Amino acid sequence: MAHLLHIDSSIQSKDTSVTRQLTARAAEAWHAAHPGGTVTYRDLAAEALPHLDAAGFLARAVPPAEHTPEQAAAWALSTELVNEVKQADTVLLGLPVYNYASPSSVKAWVDHLVIPGVTFDIATQAGLLGGRQFVVLAARGGGYGEGTPRHGWDHSEAWLPHGVSMIGLEPRFITAELTMTATNPAMAELRPLAEQSRAAAEREIDDLWAPALA
């Protein structure tokens, strides 16, 4: 049975968050293509993950039978997050840009997934979570493409492929940009471009599982 892992990370509500709206649209399209499928949902903003700390780091180097209570708790959380990915055929991640980078909650999620011998082979360095679809629905308030004044300032989309490369995940990005034009009067003249970007992202989402429907 097909299984979807749906992750949101925006600190905004669905009424105002573009990434939450995009992941909801994608989840609906996925359901239409997999009517018997199941879903695990995780909200990294509503239930923040602790950042990887000393106990979590040491838990990776100490046999579970020798874990301290703090190490055992950190290990249990990391393995829970890993198992959520392992059980999924498709992972949807909503990825807003905050201060030109990913939310720290997404960085924490990735850090918990990187476990030697569990999510990557120590000897070969091969990632062990590959072979599943990883769709990243991204939104950025400005435009950071080539030729723009802040070209290259979006460190979120640049970082994530590297962050998950060790464990074998390969993200496919679908991005809506210039989202702040709706609320920033100084960007009002860019609203047509923002609408075009949003529409293109929605079309790409709708086409993700179209072959399955056909």
C-alpha atoms as a PDB file:
ATOM      1  CA  MET A   1       0.000   0.000   0.000  1.00  0.00           C
ATOM      2  CA  ALA A   2       1.339   3.436  -0.949  1.00  0.00           C
ATOM      3  CA  HIS A   3       2.315   5.647   1.968  1.00  0.00           C
ATOM      4  CA  LEU A   4       2.907   9.399   2.082  1.00  0.00           C
ATOM      5  CA  LEU A   5       4.954  11.329   4.616  1.00  0.00           C
ATOM      6  CA  HIS A   6       3.616  14.908   4.614  1.00  0.00           C
ATOM      7  CA  ILE A   7       5.751  17.471   6.460  1.00  0.00           C
ATOM      8  CA  ASP A   8       5.025  21.154   6.988  1.00  0.00           C
ATOM      9  CA  SER A   9       7.462  23.606   8.533  1.00  0.00           C
ATOM     10  CA  SER A  10       5.940  27.067   8.068  1.00  0.00           C
ATOM     11  CA  ILE A  11       5.316  29.083  11.211  1.00  0.00           C
ATOM     12  CA  GLN A  12       2.273  30.620   9.501  1.00  0.00           C
ATOM     13  CA  SER A  13      -1.215  29.147   9.287  1.00  0.00           C
ATOM     14  CA  LYS A  14      -2.574  27.584   6.131  1.00  0.00           C
ATOM     15  CA  ASP A  15      -4.521  30.798   5.472  1.00  0.00           C
ATOM     16  CA  THR A  16      -1.291  32.728   4.934  1.00  0.00           C
ATOM     17  CA  SER A  17       1.407  30.111   4.310  1.00  0.00           C
ATOM     18  CA  VAL A  18       2.142  29.420   0.655  1.00  0.00           C
ATOM     19  CA  THR A  19       4.070  26.235   1.454  1.00  0.00           C
ATOM     20  CA  ARG A  20       1.212  24.828   3.541  1.00  0.00           C
ATOM     21  CA  GLN A  21      -1.181  25.555   0.679  1.00  0.00           C
ATOM     22  CA  LEU A  22       1.159  23.892  -1.812  1.00  0.00           C
ATOM     23  CA  THR A  23       1.732  20.782   0.305  1.00  0.00           C
ATOM     24  CA  ALA A  24      -2.022  20.470   0.895  1.00  0.00           C
ATOM     25  CA  ARG A  25      -2.589  20.658  -2.868  1.00  0.00           C
ATOM     26  CA  ALA A  26       0.099  18.043  -3.454  1.00  0.00           C
ATOM     27  CA  ALA A  27      -1.309  15.745  -0.773  1.00  0.00           C
ATOM     28  CA  GLU A  28      -4.732  15.999  -2.390  1.00  0.00           C
ATOM     29  CA  ALA A  29      -3.248  15.122  -5.794  1.00  0.00           C
ATOM     30  CA  TRP A  30      -1.366  12.211  -4.236  1.00  0.00           C
ATOM     31  CA  HIS A  31      -4.561  10.902  -2.619  1.00  0.00           C
ATOM     32  CA  ALA A  32      -6.374  11.088  -5.959  1.00  0.00           C
ATOM     33  CA  ALA A  33      -3.667   8.948  -7.552  1.00  0.00           C
ATOM     34  CA  HIS A  34      -3.418   6.561  -4.554  1.00  0.00           C
ATOM     35  CA  PRO A  35      -6.997   6.232  -3.210  1.00  0.00           C
ATOM     36  CA  GLY A  36      -6.043   3.423  -0.852  1.00  0.00           C
ATOM     37  CA  GLY A  37      -2.869   5.092   0.355  1.00  0.00           C
ATOM     38  CA  THR A  38      -2.053   6.074   3.922  1.00  0.00           C
ATOM     39  CA  VAL A  39      -0.461   9.220   5.322  1.00  0.00           C
ATOM     40  CA  THR A  40       1.811  10.223   8.181  1.00  0.00           C
ATOM     41  CA  TYR A  41       1.688  13.946   8.926  1.00  0.00           C
ATOM     42  CA  ARG A  42       4.314  15.891  10.838  1.00  0.00           C
ATOM     43  CA  ASP A  43       4.193  19.617  11.584  1.00  0.00           C
ATOM     44  CA  LEU A  44       7.680  20.830  12.451  1.00  0.00           C
ATOM     45  CA  ALA A  45       6.348  24.236  13.510  1.00  0.00           C
ATOM     46  CA  ALA A  46       3.555  23.016  15.779  1.00  0.00           C
ATOM     47  CA  GLU A  47       5.685  20.266  17.338  1.00  0.00           C
ATOM     48  CA  ALA A  48       9.256  21.485  17.106  1.00  0.00           C
ATOM     49  CA  LEU A  49      12.018  18.913  17.124  1.00  0.00           C
ATOM     50  CA  PRO A  50      14.903  19.460  19.523  1.00  0.00           C
ATOM     51  CA  HIS A  51      18.122  20.321  17.774  1.00  0.00           C
ATOM     52  CA  LEU A  52      20.723  17.573  17.780  1.00  0.00           C
ATOM     53  CA  ASP A  53      22.608  17.914  21.057  1.00  0.00           C
ATOM     54  CA  ALA A  54      25.441  16.113  22.808  1.00  0.00           C
ATOM     55  CA  ALA A  55      23.176  13.300  24.015  1.00  0.00           C
ATOM     56  CA  GLY A  56      21.828  12.728  20.519  1.00  0.00           C
ATOM     57  CA  PHE A  57      25.302  12.791  19.021  1.00  0.00           C
ATOM     58  CA  LEU A  58      26.751  10.367  21.572  1.00  0.00           C
ATOM     59  CA  ALA A  59      23.760   8.036  21.194  1.00  0.00           C
ATOM     60  CA  ARG A  60      25.017   7.278  17.681  1.00  0.00           C
ATOM     61  CA  ALA A  61      28.364   6.070  19.032  1.00  0.00           C
ATOM     62  CA  VAL A  62      27.196   4.120  22.081  1.00  0.00           C
ATOM     63  CA  PRO A  63      25.372   0.748  21.937  1.00  0.00           C
ATOM     64  CA  PRO A  64      21.687   1.213  22.820  1.00  0.00           C
ATOM     65  CA  ALA A  65      22.065  -1.035  25.870  1.00  0.00           C
ATOM     66  CA  GLU A  66      24.559   1.462  27.287  1.00  0.00           C
ATOM     67  CA  HIS A  67      22.537   4.623  26.621  1.00  0.00           C
ATOM     68  CA  THR A  68      21.918   7.096  29.393  1.00  0.00           C
ATOM     69  CA  PRO A  69      18.257   8.146  29.774  1.00  0.00           C
ATOM     70  CA  GLU A  70      19.006  11.312  27.785  1.00  0.00           C
ATOM     71  CA  GLN A  71      20.733   9.351  25.027  1.00  0.00           C
ATOM     72  CA  ALA A  72      17.907   6.805  24.923  1.00  0.00           C
ATOM     73  CA  ALA A  73      15.322   9.562  24.483  1.00  0.00           C
ATOM     74  CA  ALA A  74      17.316  11.199  21.697  1.00  0.00           C
ATOM     75  CA  TRP A  75      17.878   7.841  19.977  1.00  0.00           C
ATOM     76  CA  ALA A  76      14.180   7.002  20.156  1.00  0.00           C
ATOM     77  CA  LEU A  77      13.247  10.286  18.492  1.00  0.00           C
ATOM     78  CA  SER A  78      15.839   9.961  15.735  1.00  0.00           C
ATOM     79  CA  THR A  79      14.826   6.394  14.925  1.00  0.00           C
ATOM     80  CA  GLU A  80      11.156   7.424  14.913  1.00  0.00           C
ATOM     81  CA  LEU A  81      11.912  10.095  12.302  1.00  0.00           C
ATOM     82  CA  VAL A  82      14.003   7.676  10.248  1.00  0.00           C
ATOM     83  CA  ASN A  83      11.230   5.073  10.309  1.00  0.00           C
ATOM     84  CA  GLU A  84       8.723   7.656   9.085  1.00  0.00           C
ATOM     85  CA  VAL A  85      10.874   8.150   6.002  1.00  0.00           C
ATOM     86  CA  LYS A  86      11.505   4.424   5.545  1.00  0.00           C
ATOM     87  CA  GLN A  87       7.785   3.682   5.568  1.00  0.00           C
ATOM     88  CA  ALA A  88       7.025   6.299   2.925  1.00  0.00           C
ATOM     89  CA  ASP A  89       7.034   5.884  -0.834  1.00  0.00           C
ATOM     90  CA  THR A  90       6.733   9.662  -1.160  1.00  0.00           C
ATOM     91  CA  VAL A  91       7.928  12.430   1.154  1.00  0.00           C
ATOM     92  CA  LEU A  92       6.392  15.906   0.801  1.00  0.00           C
ATOM     93  CA  LEU A  93       8.226  18.745   2.531  1.00  0.00           C
ATOM     94  CA  GLY A  94       7.002  22.332   2.727  1.00  0.00           C
ATOM     95  CA  LEU A  95      10.065  24.586   2.726  1.00  0.00           C
ATOM     96  CA  PRO A  96       9.683  28.340   3.282  1.00  0.00           C
ATOM     97  CA  VAL A  97      12.689  30.656   3.223  1.00  0.00           C
ATOM     98  CA  TYR A  98      13.380  32.533   6.452  1.00  0.00           C
ATOM     99  CA  ASN A  99      16.183  35.098   6.438  1.00  0.00           C
ATOM    100  CA  TYR A 100      17.552  33.563   3.234  1.00  0.00           C
ATOM    101  CA  ALA A 101      17.766  30.017   4.625  1.00  0.00           C
ATOM    102  CA  SER A 102      15.678  27.040   5.700  1.00  0.00           C
ATOM    103  CA  PRO A 103      13.751  27.085   8.968  1.00  0.00           C
ATOM    104  CA  SER A 104      15.932  25.699  11.742  1.00  0.00           C
ATOM    105  CA  SER A 105      13.238  23.051  12.280  1.00  0.00           C
ATOM    106  CA  VAL A 106      14.059  21.551   8.875  1.00  0.00           C
ATOM    107  CA  LYS A 107      17.780  21.546   9.674  1.00  0.00           C
ATOM    108  CA  ALA A 108      16.968  19.737  12.931  1.00  0.00           C
ATOM    109  CA  TRP A 109      14.886  17.167  11.021  1.00  0.00           C
ATOM    110  CA  VAL A 110      17.765  16.471   8.635  1.00  0.00           C
ATOM    111  CA  ASP A 111      20.288  16.228  11.481  1.00  0.00           C
ATOM    112  CA  HIS A 112      18.157  13.586  13.203  1.00  0.00           C
ATOM    113  CA  LEU A 113      18.045  11.541   9.987  1.00  0.00           C
ATOM    114  CA  VAL A 114      21.826  11.283   9.529  1.00  0.00           C
ATOM    115  CA  ILE A 115      22.803   8.167  11.501  1.00  0.00           C
ATOM    116  CA  PRO A 116      25.908   6.114  10.629  1.00  0.00           C
ATOM    117  CA  GLY A 117      25.036   2.501   9.923  1.00  0.00           C
ATOM    118  CA  VAL A 118      21.315   3.245   9.885  1.00  0.00           C
ATOM    119  CA  THR A 119      20.751   5.775   7.116  1.00  0.00           C
ATOM    120  CA  PHE A 120      24.115   5.524   5.401  1.00  0.00           C
ATOM    121  CA  ASP A 121      26.636   2.706   5.079  1.00  0.00           C
ATOM    122  CA  ILE A 122      29.777   3.490   7.053  1.00  0.00           C
ATOM    123  CA  ALA A 123      32.093   1.509   4.785  1.00  0.00           C
ATOM    124  CA  THR A 124      30.758   2.617   1.397  1.00  0.00           C
ATOM    125  CA  GLN A 125      29.144   5.924   2.418  1.00  0.00           C
ATOM    126  CA  ALA A 126      26.102   4.869   0.371  1.00  0.00           C
ATOM    127  CA  GLY A 127      22.815   6.426   1.457  1.00  0.00           C
ATOM    128  CA  LEU A 128      20.184   3.967   2.674  1.00  0.00           C
ATOM    129  CA  LEU A 129      17.027   6.095   2.345  1.00  0.00           C
ATOM    130  CA  GLY A 130      17.059   6.424  -1.432  1.00  0.00           C
ATOM    131  CA  GLY A 131      14.551   4.898  -3.809  1.00  0.00           C
ATOM    132  CA  ARG A 132      11.642   7.072  -2.723  1.00  0.00           C
ATOM    133  CA  GLN A 133      10.145  10.246  -4.110  1.00  0.00           C
ATOM    134  CA  PHE A 134      11.139  13.396  -2.223  1.00  0.00           C
ATOM    135  CA  VAL A 135       9.125  16.432  -3.333  1.00  0.00           C
ATOM    136  CA  VAL A 136       9.979  19.788  -1.798  1.00  0.00           C
ATOM    137  CA  LEU A 137       7.337  22.519  -2.105  1.00  0.00           C
ATOM    138  CA  ALA A 138       9.303  25.716  -1.602  1.00  0.00           C
ATOM    139  CA  ALA A 139       8.270  29.346  -1.344  1.00  0.00           C
ATOM    140  CA  ARG A 140      10.385  32.458  -1.138  1.00  0.00           C
ATOM    141  CA  GLY A 141       9.262  36.004  -0.584  1.00  0.00           C
ATOM    142  CA  GLY A 142      11.661  37.528  -3.070  1.00  0.00           C
ATOM    143  CA  GLY A 143      13.348  36.549  -6.301  1.00  0.00           C
ATOM    144  CA  TYR A 144      16.916  35.252  -6.121  1.00  0.00           C
ATOM    145  CA  GLY A 145      17.465  33.941  -9.628  1.00  0.00           C
ATOM    146  CA  GLU A 146      20.240  34.893 -11.999  1.00  0.00           C
ATOM    147  CA  GLY A 147      20.115  38.560 -12.937  1.00  0.00           C
ATOM    148  CA  THR A 148      18.263  39.669  -9.806  1.00  0.00           C
ATOM    149  CA  PRO A 149      19.877  42.026  -7.249  1.00  0.00           C
ATOM    150  CA  ARG A 150      20.037  39.218  -4.689  1.00  0.00           C
ATOM    151  CA  HIS A 151      21.011  36.361  -6.962  1.00  0.00           C
ATOM    152  CA  GLY A 152      22.182  33.425  -4.872  1.00  0.00           C
ATOM    153  CA  TRP A 153      20.784  34.666  -1.574  1.00  0.00           C
ATOM    154  CA  ASP A 154      18.400  31.684  -1.270  1.00  0.00           C
ATOM    155  CA  HIS A 155      20.591  29.321   0.729  1.00  0.00           C
ATOM    156  CA  SER A 156      17.673  27.041   1.543  1.00  0.00           C
ATOM    157  CA  GLU A 157      17.288  25.427  -1.862  1.00  0.00           C
ATOM    158  CA  ALA A 158      21.063  25.295  -2.279  1.00  0.00           C
ATOM    159  CA  TRP A 159      21.645  23.572   1.064  1.00  0.00           C
ATOM    160  CA  LEU A 160      18.979  20.875   1.231  1.00  0.00           C
ATOM    161  CA  PRO A 161      20.282  18.582  -1.566  1.00  0.00           C
ATOM    162  CA  HIS A 162      23.670  18.554   0.139  1.00  0.00           C
ATOM    163  CA  GLY A 163      22.121  18.074   3.568  1.00  0.00           C
ATOM    164  CA  VAL A 164      20.274  14.894   2.573  1.00  0.00           C
ATOM    165  CA  SER A 165      22.780  13.583   0.014  1.00  0.00           C
ATOM    166  CA  MET A 166      24.539  11.347   2.533  1.00  0.00           C
ATOM    167  CA  ILE A 167      21.331   9.449   3.300  1.00  0.00           C
ATOM    168  CA  GLY A 168      20.316   8.967  -0.324  1.00  0.00           C
ATOM    169  CA  LEU A 169      17.370  11.358  -0.658  1.00  0.00           C
ATOM    170  CA  GLU A 170      17.221  13.461  -3.823  1.00  0.00           C
ATOM    171  CA  PRO A 171      14.819  16.403  -3.606  1.00  0.00           C
ATOM    172  CA  ARG A 172      12.700  17.600  -6.493  1.00  0.00           C
ATOM    173  CA  PHE A 173      11.951  21.270  -5.936  1.00  0.00           C
ATOM    174  CA  ILE A 174       8.739  22.986  -6.967  1.00  0.00           C
ATOM    175  CA  THR A 175       9.054  26.655  -6.071  1.00  0.00           C
ATOM    176  CA  ALA A 176       6.768  29.651  -5.909  1.00  0.00           C
ATOM    177  CA  GLU A 177       8.659  32.922  -5.567  1.00  0.00           C
ATOM    178  CA  LEU A 178       7.958  36.605  -4.961  1.00  0.00           C
ATOM    179  CA  THR A 179       5.287  35.609  -2.451  1.00  0.00           C
ATOM    180  CA  MET A 180       5.756  38.818  -0.447  1.00  0.00           C
ATOM    181  CA  THR A 181       4.292  40.879  -3.278  1.00  0.00           C
ATOM    182  CA  ALA A 182       0.855  40.205  -1.788  1.00  0.00           C
ATOM    183  CA  THR A 183       1.701  42.121   1.401  1.00  0.00           C
ATOM    184  CA  ASN A 184       4.623  44.396   0.532  1.00  0.00           C
ATOM    185  CA  PRO A 185       3.537  47.564  -1.308  1.00  0.00           C
ATOM    186  CA  ALA A 186       7.113  48.137  -2.490  1.00  0.00           C
ATOM    187  CA  MET A 187       6.878  44.910  -4.511  1.00  0.00           C
ATOM    188  CA  ALA A 188       3.438  45.586  -5.980  1.00  0.00           C
ATOM    189  CA  GLU A 189       4.720  45.870  -9.545  1.00  0.00           C
ATOM    190  CA  LEU A 190       6.039  42.314  -9.302  1.00  0.00           C
ATOM    191  CA  ARG A 191       2.650  40.773  -8.484  1.00  0.00           C
ATOM    192  CA  PRO A 192       2.031  39.526 -12.050  1.00  0.00           C
ATOM    193  CA  LEU A 193       5.343  37.645 -11.907  1.00  0.00           C
ATOM    194  CA  ALA A 194       4.414  36.221  -8.515  1.00  0.00           C
ATOM    195  CA  GLU A 195       1.069  35.026  -9.857  1.00  0.00           C
ATOM    196  CA  GLN A 196       2.808  33.395 -12.815  1.00  0.00           C
ATOM    197  CA  SER A 197       5.272  31.658 -10.514  1.00  0.00           C
ATOM    198  CA  ARG A 198       2.500  30.379  -8.228  1.00  0.00           C
ATOM    199  CA  ALA A 199       0.437  29.139 -11.184  1.00  0.00           C
ATOM    200  CA  ALA A 200       3.437  27.323 -12.657  1.00  0.00           C
ATOM    201  CA  ALA A 201       4.126  25.633  -9.314  1.00  0.00           C
ATOM    202  CA  GLU A 202       0.509  24.519  -9.027  1.00  0.00           C
ATOM    203  CA  ARG A 203       0.545  23.079 -12.550  1.00  0.00           C
ATOM    204  CA  GLU A 204       3.705  21.134 -11.767  1.00  0.00           C
ATOM    205  CA  ILE A 205       2.124  19.782  -8.593  1.00  0.00           C
ATOM    206  CA  ASP A 206      -0.999  18.724 -10.469  1.00  0.00           C
ATOM    207  CA  ASP A 207       1.152  16.833 -12.983  1.00  0.00           C
ATOM    208  CA  LEU A 208       3.195  14.944 -10.365  1.00  0.00           C
ATOM    209  CA  TRP A 209       1.012  11.835 -10.278  1.00  0.00           C
ATOM    210  CA  ALA A 210      -1.047  12.414 -13.429  1.00  0.00           C
ATOM    211  CA  PRO A 211       0.320   9.218 -15.093  1.00  0.00           C
ATOM    212  CA  ALA A 212      -1.005   7.178 -12.162  1.00  0.00           C
ATOM    213  CA  LEU A 213      -4.453   8.691 -12.651  1.00  0.00           C
ATOM    214  CA  ALA A 214      -4.348   8.005 -16.381  1.00  0.00           C
END
